[in-house]
Each structure stands twice: as structure tokens, then as C-alpha cells.
Amino acid sequence: MALNILVYSDDRNTREQVRLALGKRPDAELPELVYHECATAPAVVRAMDEYQKGTRKVDLLVLDGEAVPLGGMGLTRQLKEEVYQCPPVLVLIGRPQDSWLATWSHADAAVPAPVDPVALAGAATALLRGRAGLAA
């Protein structure tokens, strides 16, 4: 069974970088990844409403902390407070100094933007192993 990744950024290139960095399978033990892209925060909220209703599967959210008008950290905080059993959230942060904001937002992990493929794959794999029932 595939793992479903929701990628949010207002920048099409950032969404593409995330898909390319993670690929179809960032770890040999993980199932294939299926991507759903959102360019707006309301689209993410709608997708998570579907998740709560059981009509959409989401195993990991990758949110762009630099997205506008609503950044991924504010959106993470909202989702973590409003979505029962919210899936893990990985936030892309623009500056190392923003790691405290990622902590404030309750993000499960944060990696630097622009996308560092090794860092992103490592953080995503660690979060997805738990969702796939594998040891971390």
C-alpha cells in the first residue's frame, strides 16, 4: 500500500523540488510514495477535512514555511490543534534561526529551504517509517 504525501507551497518549483528529492521511494523498506500538491492553504485545509472524514489518506505533510499568504508554520500550528490524530508534518524553513518557529508550530521535523535532498529524504523517511509500521 502506498504512502500519501501532501505537499504545500505557493511555489510550483518548491513542490517539484520536494517530489524530486523524495522520489518514488526514499527508503527501500518503505512503500511507494504518492503525491498530492496544494498551492493554497485552503486547499490543504480541505484535504485535511477529507482526511478526518476518512475519504483521503495522508501519511505526511510537507509544508513550505515561506509560502504566502499563509506560511507552513502557521498552517502547521492550525492543523496540529484542529485535526484529530494529525499526520506528521515536516516544515521547510528559510533560515536556521526559524527552527524555534517550527517547534512553536508543533512540526514533527524541519529542514532547510531551498530543498536539501539528503536532509529532506532523511527527515521524511524517519517520519514515514513510523506511519508504515517500521522501526525508526
N, C-alpha and C. Protein backbone atom coordinates (compact mmCIF):
# COMPACT_ATOMS: atom_id res chain seq x y z
N MET A 1 0.84 -1.17 0.00
CA MET A 1 0.00 0.00 0.00
C MET A 1 0.90 1.25 0.00
N ALA A 2 0.58 2.20 -0.82
CA ALA A 2 1.39 3.42 -0.98
C ALA A 2 1.22 4.34 0.23
N LEU A 3 2.22 5.19 0.42
CA LEU A 3 2.16 6.25 1.42
C LEU A 3 1.83 7.55 0.71
N ASN A 4 0.92 8.33 1.28
CA ASN A 4 0.43 9.55 0.64
C ASN A 4 1.06 10.78 1.27
N ILE A 5 1.67 11.60 0.41
CA ILE A 5 2.37 12.80 0.83
C ILE A 5 1.61 14.02 0.31
N LEU A 6 1.25 14.92 1.21
CA LEU A 6 0.63 16.18 0.82
C LEU A 6 1.72 17.25 0.87
N VAL A 7 1.95 17.91 -0.26
CA VAL A 7 2.99 18.93 -0.37
C VAL A 7 2.31 20.28 -0.60
N TYR A 8 2.62 21.24 0.31
CA TYR A 8 2.03 22.58 0.20
C TYR A 8 3.12 23.61 -0.01
N SER A 9 2.97 24.38 -1.08
CA SER A 9 3.77 25.57 -1.33
C SER A 9 3.05 26.38 -2.38
N ASP A 10 3.15 27.69 -2.26
CA ASP A 10 2.58 28.54 -3.30
C ASP A 10 3.49 28.57 -4.53
N ASP A 11 4.70 28.02 -4.38
CA ASP A 11 5.71 28.00 -5.44
C ASP A 11 5.77 26.61 -6.09
N ARG A 12 5.39 26.54 -7.35
CA ARG A 12 5.38 25.29 -8.09
C ARG A 12 6.76 24.62 -8.07
N ASN A 13 7.83 25.43 -8.15
CA ASN A 13 9.19 24.88 -8.17
C ASN A 13 9.54 24.20 -6.84
N THR A 14 9.08 24.77 -5.74
CA THR A 14 9.33 24.15 -4.43
C THR A 14 8.62 22.81 -4.34
N ARG A 15 7.37 22.76 -4.79
CA ARG A 15 6.64 21.48 -4.77
C ARG A 15 7.38 20.44 -5.62
N GLU A 16 7.88 20.86 -6.77
CA GLU A 16 8.61 19.95 -7.64
C GLU A 16 9.91 19.48 -6.97
N GLN A 17 10.62 20.38 -6.31
CA GLN A 17 11.86 20.02 -5.62
C GLN A 17 11.60 18.97 -4.54
N VAL A 18 10.49 19.10 -3.83
CA VAL A 18 10.14 18.11 -2.80
C VAL A 18 9.90 16.75 -3.45
N ARG A 19 9.10 16.73 -4.51
CA ARG A 19 8.82 15.46 -5.21
C ARG A 19 10.11 14.82 -5.73
N LEU A 20 10.97 15.62 -6.33
CA LEU A 20 12.21 15.08 -6.88
C LEU A 20 13.15 14.61 -5.78
N ALA A 21 13.21 15.32 -4.67
CA ALA A 21 14.10 14.94 -3.58
C ALA A 21 13.67 13.63 -2.93
N LEU A 22 12.36 13.43 -2.78
CA LEU A 22 11.86 12.22 -2.14
C LEU A 22 11.71 11.06 -3.12
N GLY A 23 11.42 11.38 -4.36
CA GLY A 23 11.27 10.34 -5.37
C GLY A 23 10.10 9.41 -5.08
N LYS A 24 10.15 8.25 -5.71
CA LYS A 24 9.07 7.27 -5.53
C LYS A 24 9.22 6.48 -4.24
N ARG A 25 10.47 6.35 -3.77
CA ARG A 25 10.71 5.55 -2.57
C ARG A 25 12.04 5.99 -1.96
N PRO A 26 12.02 6.85 -0.93
CA PRO A 26 13.27 7.35 -0.35
C PRO A 26 14.01 6.32 0.50
N ASP A 27 13.37 5.20 0.79
CA ASP A 27 13.97 4.14 1.58
C ASP A 27 13.46 2.81 1.04
N ALA A 28 14.34 1.84 0.90
CA ALA A 28 13.97 0.55 0.30
C ALA A 28 12.87 -0.17 1.08
N GLU A 29 12.77 0.08 2.38
CA GLU A 29 11.75 -0.60 3.18
C GLU A 29 10.38 0.06 3.13
N LEU A 30 10.33 1.27 2.60
CA LEU A 30 9.06 2.00 2.54
C LEU A 30 8.30 1.64 1.27
N PRO A 31 6.97 1.69 1.35
CA PRO A 31 6.17 1.56 0.12
C PRO A 31 6.39 2.78 -0.78
N GLU A 32 5.89 2.71 -2.00
CA GLU A 32 5.99 3.85 -2.91
C GLU A 32 5.22 5.04 -2.34
N LEU A 33 5.68 6.23 -2.74
CA LEU A 33 5.03 7.47 -2.33
C LEU A 33 4.11 7.97 -3.44
N VAL A 34 2.96 8.48 -3.03
CA VAL A 34 2.02 9.12 -3.94
C VAL A 34 1.87 10.56 -3.45
N TYR A 35 1.95 11.51 -4.37
CA TYR A 35 1.95 12.93 -4.00
C TYR A 35 0.62 13.59 -4.34
N HIS A 36 0.23 14.49 -3.44
CA HIS A 36 -0.90 15.38 -3.69
C HIS A 36 -0.38 16.78 -3.41
N GLU A 37 -0.48 17.66 -4.38
CA GLU A 37 0.07 19.01 -4.24
C GLU A 37 -1.04 20.01 -3.98
N CYS A 38 -0.74 20.97 -3.09
CA CYS A 38 -1.65 22.07 -2.80
C CYS A 38 -0.88 23.37 -2.94
N ALA A 39 -1.45 24.33 -3.65
CA ALA A 39 -0.81 25.63 -3.84
C ALA A 39 -1.37 26.68 -2.89
N THR A 40 -2.46 26.35 -2.19
CA THR A 40 -3.06 27.32 -1.27
C THR A 40 -3.37 26.64 0.07
N ALA A 41 -3.38 27.45 1.12
CA ALA A 41 -3.71 26.93 2.45
C ALA A 41 -5.14 26.38 2.51
N PRO A 42 -6.13 27.06 1.90
CA PRO A 42 -7.48 26.49 1.92
C PRO A 42 -7.55 25.09 1.28
N ALA A 43 -6.74 24.84 0.27
CA ALA A 43 -6.72 23.50 -0.34
C ALA A 43 -6.18 22.47 0.65
N VAL A 44 -5.21 22.85 1.45
CA VAL A 44 -4.67 21.94 2.47
C VAL A 44 -5.75 21.66 3.51
N VAL A 45 -6.43 22.71 3.95
CA VAL A 45 -7.49 22.54 4.95
C VAL A 45 -8.59 21.62 4.42
N ARG A 46 -8.97 21.80 3.16
CA ARG A 46 -9.98 20.91 2.55
C ARG A 46 -9.49 19.46 2.53
N ALA A 47 -8.23 19.27 2.15
CA ALA A 47 -7.67 17.92 2.09
C ALA A 47 -7.67 17.28 3.48
N MET A 48 -7.36 18.08 4.50
CA MET A 48 -7.34 17.53 5.85
C MET A 48 -8.76 17.30 6.38
N ASP A 49 -9.73 18.06 5.92
CA ASP A 49 -11.12 17.77 6.25
C ASP A 49 -11.50 16.40 5.69
N GLU A 50 -11.08 16.14 4.45
CA GLU A 50 -11.33 14.83 3.84
C GLU A 50 -10.61 13.73 4.61
N TYR A 51 -9.41 14.02 5.09
CA TYR A 51 -8.65 13.06 5.90
C TYR A 51 -9.45 12.71 7.16
N GLN A 52 -9.99 13.72 7.83
CA GLN A 52 -10.75 13.48 9.05
C GLN A 52 -12.03 12.70 8.79
N LYS A 53 -12.62 12.91 7.62
CA LYS A 53 -13.83 12.17 7.26
C LYS A 53 -13.52 10.75 6.80
N GLY A 54 -12.24 10.45 6.60
CA GLY A 54 -11.85 9.12 6.15
C GLY A 54 -11.90 8.93 4.64
N THR A 55 -12.07 10.02 3.89
CA THR A 55 -12.16 9.90 2.43
C THR A 55 -10.83 10.19 1.74
N ARG A 56 -9.80 10.56 2.51
CA ARG A 56 -8.47 10.81 1.95
C ARG A 56 -7.44 10.27 2.92
N LYS A 57 -6.42 9.66 2.38
CA LYS A 57 -5.32 9.16 3.20
C LYS A 57 -4.16 10.14 3.10
N VAL A 58 -3.62 10.54 4.23
CA VAL A 58 -2.45 11.41 4.28
C VAL A 58 -1.50 10.82 5.31
N ASP A 59 -0.28 10.51 4.89
CA ASP A 59 0.70 9.93 5.79
C ASP A 59 1.75 10.94 6.24
N LEU A 60 1.94 12.00 5.44
CA LEU A 60 2.93 13.02 5.77
C LEU A 60 2.55 14.31 5.05
N LEU A 61 2.66 15.42 5.77
CA LEU A 61 2.51 16.72 5.15
C LEU A 61 3.88 17.38 5.09
N VAL A 62 4.23 17.91 3.92
CA VAL A 62 5.45 18.69 3.76
C VAL A 62 4.98 20.10 3.41
N LEU A 63 5.20 21.03 4.35
CA LEU A 63 4.67 22.38 4.21
C LEU A 63 5.80 23.40 4.10
N ASP A 64 5.65 24.30 3.16
CA ASP A 64 6.63 25.36 2.91
C ASP A 64 6.44 26.48 3.93
N GLY A 65 7.42 26.64 4.81
CA GLY A 65 7.35 27.69 5.82
C GLY A 65 7.37 29.09 5.25
N GLU A 66 7.81 29.22 4.00
CA GLU A 66 7.91 30.54 3.36
C GLU A 66 6.75 30.83 2.41
N ALA A 67 5.75 29.96 2.38
CA ALA A 67 4.61 30.16 1.48
C ALA A 67 3.85 31.43 1.89
N VAL A 68 3.22 32.04 0.89
CA VAL A 68 2.41 33.23 1.15
C VAL A 68 1.02 33.04 0.54
N PRO A 69 0.01 33.55 1.11
CA PRO A 69 -0.01 34.46 2.24
C PRO A 69 0.06 33.75 3.59
N LEU A 70 -0.17 32.45 3.66
CA LEU A 70 -0.09 31.72 4.93
C LEU A 70 1.07 30.74 4.86
N GLY A 71 2.05 30.96 5.71
CA GLY A 71 3.22 30.10 5.74
C GLY A 71 2.93 28.75 6.36
N GLY A 72 3.81 27.82 6.07
CA GLY A 72 3.64 26.46 6.54
C GLY A 72 3.67 26.30 8.04
N MET A 73 4.37 27.20 8.75
CA MET A 73 4.42 27.06 10.20
C MET A 73 3.11 27.46 10.86
N GLY A 74 2.50 28.54 10.38
CA GLY A 74 1.18 28.91 10.90
C GLY A 74 0.15 27.86 10.57
N LEU A 75 0.23 27.32 9.37
CA LEU A 75 -0.69 26.27 8.94
C LEU A 75 -0.47 25.00 9.76
N THR A 76 0.78 24.68 10.06
CA THR A 76 1.08 23.51 10.88
C THR A 76 0.42 23.65 12.25
N ARG A 77 0.60 24.80 12.85
CA ARG A 77 0.02 25.05 14.19
C ARG A 77 -1.50 24.86 14.14
N GLN A 78 -2.13 25.42 13.12
CA GLN A 78 -3.58 25.28 12.97
C GLN A 78 -3.98 23.82 12.83
N LEU A 79 -3.29 23.08 11.97
CA LEU A 79 -3.65 21.68 11.73
C LEU A 79 -3.42 20.83 12.97
N LYS A 80 -2.31 21.06 13.66
CA LYS A 80 -2.00 20.26 14.86
C LYS A 80 -3.02 20.50 15.96
N GLU A 81 -3.62 21.69 15.99
CA GLU A 81 -4.63 22.00 17.01
C GLU A 81 -6.03 21.55 16.60
N GLU A 82 -6.30 21.48 15.29
CA GLU A 82 -7.66 21.22 14.83
C GLU A 82 -7.91 19.82 14.28
N VAL A 83 -6.87 19.12 13.85
CA VAL A 83 -7.07 17.82 13.21
C VAL A 83 -6.75 16.71 14.20
N TYR A 84 -7.76 15.92 14.51
CA TYR A 84 -7.57 14.78 15.42
C TYR A 84 -6.59 13.79 14.78
N GLN A 85 -5.59 13.40 15.55
CA GLN A 85 -4.54 12.49 15.08
C GLN A 85 -3.93 12.97 13.76
N CYS A 86 -3.53 14.23 13.77
CA CYS A 86 -2.92 14.84 12.59
C CYS A 86 -1.68 14.03 12.17
N PRO A 87 -1.55 13.76 10.88
CA PRO A 87 -0.34 13.08 10.41
C PRO A 87 0.90 13.92 10.71
N PRO A 88 2.08 13.32 10.65
CA PRO A 88 3.29 14.09 10.88
C PRO A 88 3.43 15.22 9.86
N VAL A 89 4.03 16.32 10.34
CA VAL A 89 4.26 17.48 9.49
C VAL A 89 5.75 17.79 9.46
N LEU A 90 6.27 17.93 8.26
CA LEU A 90 7.66 18.34 8.03
C LEU A 90 7.60 19.72 7.40
N VAL A 91 8.28 20.69 8.01
CA VAL A 91 8.23 22.06 7.53
C VAL A 91 9.56 22.43 6.89
N LEU A 92 9.49 23.11 5.75
CA LEU A 92 10.67 23.67 5.09
C LEU A 92 10.88 25.07 5.65
N ILE A 93 12.04 25.32 6.27
CA ILE A 93 12.30 26.63 6.87
C ILE A 93 13.34 27.38 6.06
N GLY A 94 13.14 28.68 5.94
CA GLY A 94 14.01 29.52 5.13
C GLY A 94 15.33 29.86 5.77
N ARG A 95 15.37 29.89 7.11
CA ARG A 95 16.60 30.25 7.82
C ARG A 95 16.76 29.33 9.02
N PRO A 96 18.00 28.99 9.37
CA PRO A 96 18.21 28.15 10.56
C PRO A 96 17.60 28.76 11.82
N GLN A 97 17.57 30.09 11.88
CA GLN A 97 17.01 30.77 13.05
C GLN A 97 15.51 30.50 13.20
N ASP A 98 14.87 30.03 12.15
CA ASP A 98 13.44 29.76 12.20
C ASP A 98 13.10 28.42 12.83
N SER A 99 14.10 27.67 13.26
CA SER A 99 13.81 26.36 13.84
C SER A 99 12.95 26.49 15.10
N TRP A 100 13.08 27.59 15.85
CA TRP A 100 12.25 27.78 17.03
C TRP A 100 10.78 27.94 16.64
N LEU A 101 10.53 28.57 15.48
CA LEU A 101 9.15 28.71 15.00
C LEU A 101 8.57 27.35 14.61
N ALA A 102 9.41 26.50 14.05
CA ALA A 102 8.95 25.15 13.71
C ALA A 102 8.56 24.40 14.99
N THR A 103 9.33 24.60 16.05
CA THR A 103 9.00 23.98 17.33
C THR A 103 7.68 24.56 17.86
N TRP A 104 7.53 25.88 17.80
CA TRP A 104 6.29 26.53 18.23
C TRP A 104 5.09 25.98 17.48
N SER A 105 5.27 25.70 16.19
CA SER A 105 4.16 25.25 15.34
C SER A 105 3.77 23.80 15.59
N HIS A 106 4.58 23.08 16.37
CA HIS A 106 4.37 21.65 16.64
C HIS A 106 4.72 20.78 15.44
N ALA A 107 5.58 21.29 14.55
CA ALA A 107 6.04 20.48 13.42
C ALA A 107 6.82 19.29 13.97
N ASP A 108 6.69 18.16 13.31
CA ASP A 108 7.41 16.95 13.73
C ASP A 108 8.85 16.97 13.29
N ALA A 109 9.15 17.75 12.26
CA ALA A 109 10.52 17.90 11.77
C ALA A 109 10.59 19.17 10.93
N ALA A 110 11.81 19.70 10.80
CA ALA A 110 12.04 20.88 9.97
C ALA A 110 13.36 20.69 9.23
N VAL A 111 13.37 21.08 7.97
CA VAL A 111 14.58 21.02 7.16
C VAL A 111 14.72 22.35 6.42
N PRO A 112 15.96 22.69 6.03
CA PRO A 112 16.17 23.98 5.37
C PRO A 112 15.62 24.03 3.95
N ALA A 113 15.20 25.24 3.57
CA ALA A 113 14.84 25.54 2.19
C ALA A 113 15.88 26.54 1.70
N PRO A 114 16.32 26.51 0.45
CA PRO A 114 15.83 25.60 -0.58
C PRO A 114 16.08 24.15 -0.20
N VAL A 115 15.35 23.28 -0.85
CA VAL A 115 15.33 21.86 -0.50
C VAL A 115 16.72 21.25 -0.60
N ASP A 116 17.14 20.66 0.51
CA ASP A 116 18.35 19.84 0.55
C ASP A 116 17.86 18.40 0.44
N PRO A 117 18.09 17.74 -0.71
CA PRO A 117 17.53 16.41 -0.92
C PRO A 117 17.90 15.39 0.16
N VAL A 118 19.13 15.43 0.64
CA VAL A 118 19.56 14.46 1.65
C VAL A 118 18.83 14.71 2.97
N ALA A 119 18.79 15.97 3.40
CA ALA A 119 18.12 16.30 4.66
C ALA A 119 16.63 16.01 4.58
N LEU A 120 16.01 16.37 3.46
CA LEU A 120 14.57 16.14 3.31
C LEU A 120 14.26 14.65 3.30
N ALA A 121 15.00 13.89 2.53
CA ALA A 121 14.76 12.44 2.46
C ALA A 121 14.97 11.79 3.82
N GLY A 122 16.00 12.21 4.55
CA GLY A 122 16.26 11.63 5.87
C GLY A 122 15.14 11.92 6.86
N ALA A 123 14.70 13.18 6.90
CA ALA A 123 13.64 13.56 7.83
C ALA A 123 12.31 12.90 7.45
N ALA A 124 11.99 12.91 6.16
CA ALA A 124 10.73 12.30 5.71
C ALA A 124 10.73 10.79 5.97
N THR A 125 11.85 10.15 5.71
CA THR A 125 11.94 8.71 5.92
C THR A 125 11.72 8.37 7.39
N ALA A 126 12.34 9.14 8.29
CA ALA A 126 12.16 8.88 9.72
C ALA A 126 10.68 8.99 10.12
N LEU A 127 9.99 10.00 9.60
CA LEU A 127 8.57 10.17 9.92
C LEU A 127 7.71 9.10 9.26
N LEU A 128 8.02 8.74 8.04
CA LEU A 128 7.22 7.75 7.31
C LEU A 128 7.42 6.32 7.82
N ARG A 129 8.57 6.02 8.35
CA ARG A 129 8.81 4.67 8.88
C ARG A 129 7.78 4.37 9.99
N GLY A 130 7.50 5.36 10.81
CA GLY A 130 6.51 5.17 11.86
C GLY A 130 5.12 4.93 11.29
N ARG A 131 4.78 5.67 10.24
CA ARG A 131 3.46 5.51 9.60
C ARG A 131 3.34 4.17 8.90
N ALA A 132 4.47 3.63 8.43
CA ALA A 132 4.45 2.35 7.72
C ALA A 132 4.60 1.17 8.69
N GLY A 133 4.73 1.47 9.99
CA GLY A 133 4.87 0.41 10.96
C GLY A 133 6.25 -0.19 11.05
N LEU A 134 7.26 0.57 10.60
CA LEU A 134 8.64 0.12 10.63
C LEU A 134 9.35 0.79 11.80
N ALA A 135 10.39 0.16 12.33
CA ALA A 135 11.18 0.77 13.39
C ALA A 135 11.94 1.97 12.83
N ALA A 136 12.07 3.00 13.65
CA ALA A 136 12.75 4.23 13.20
C ALA A 136 14.23 4.07 13.04
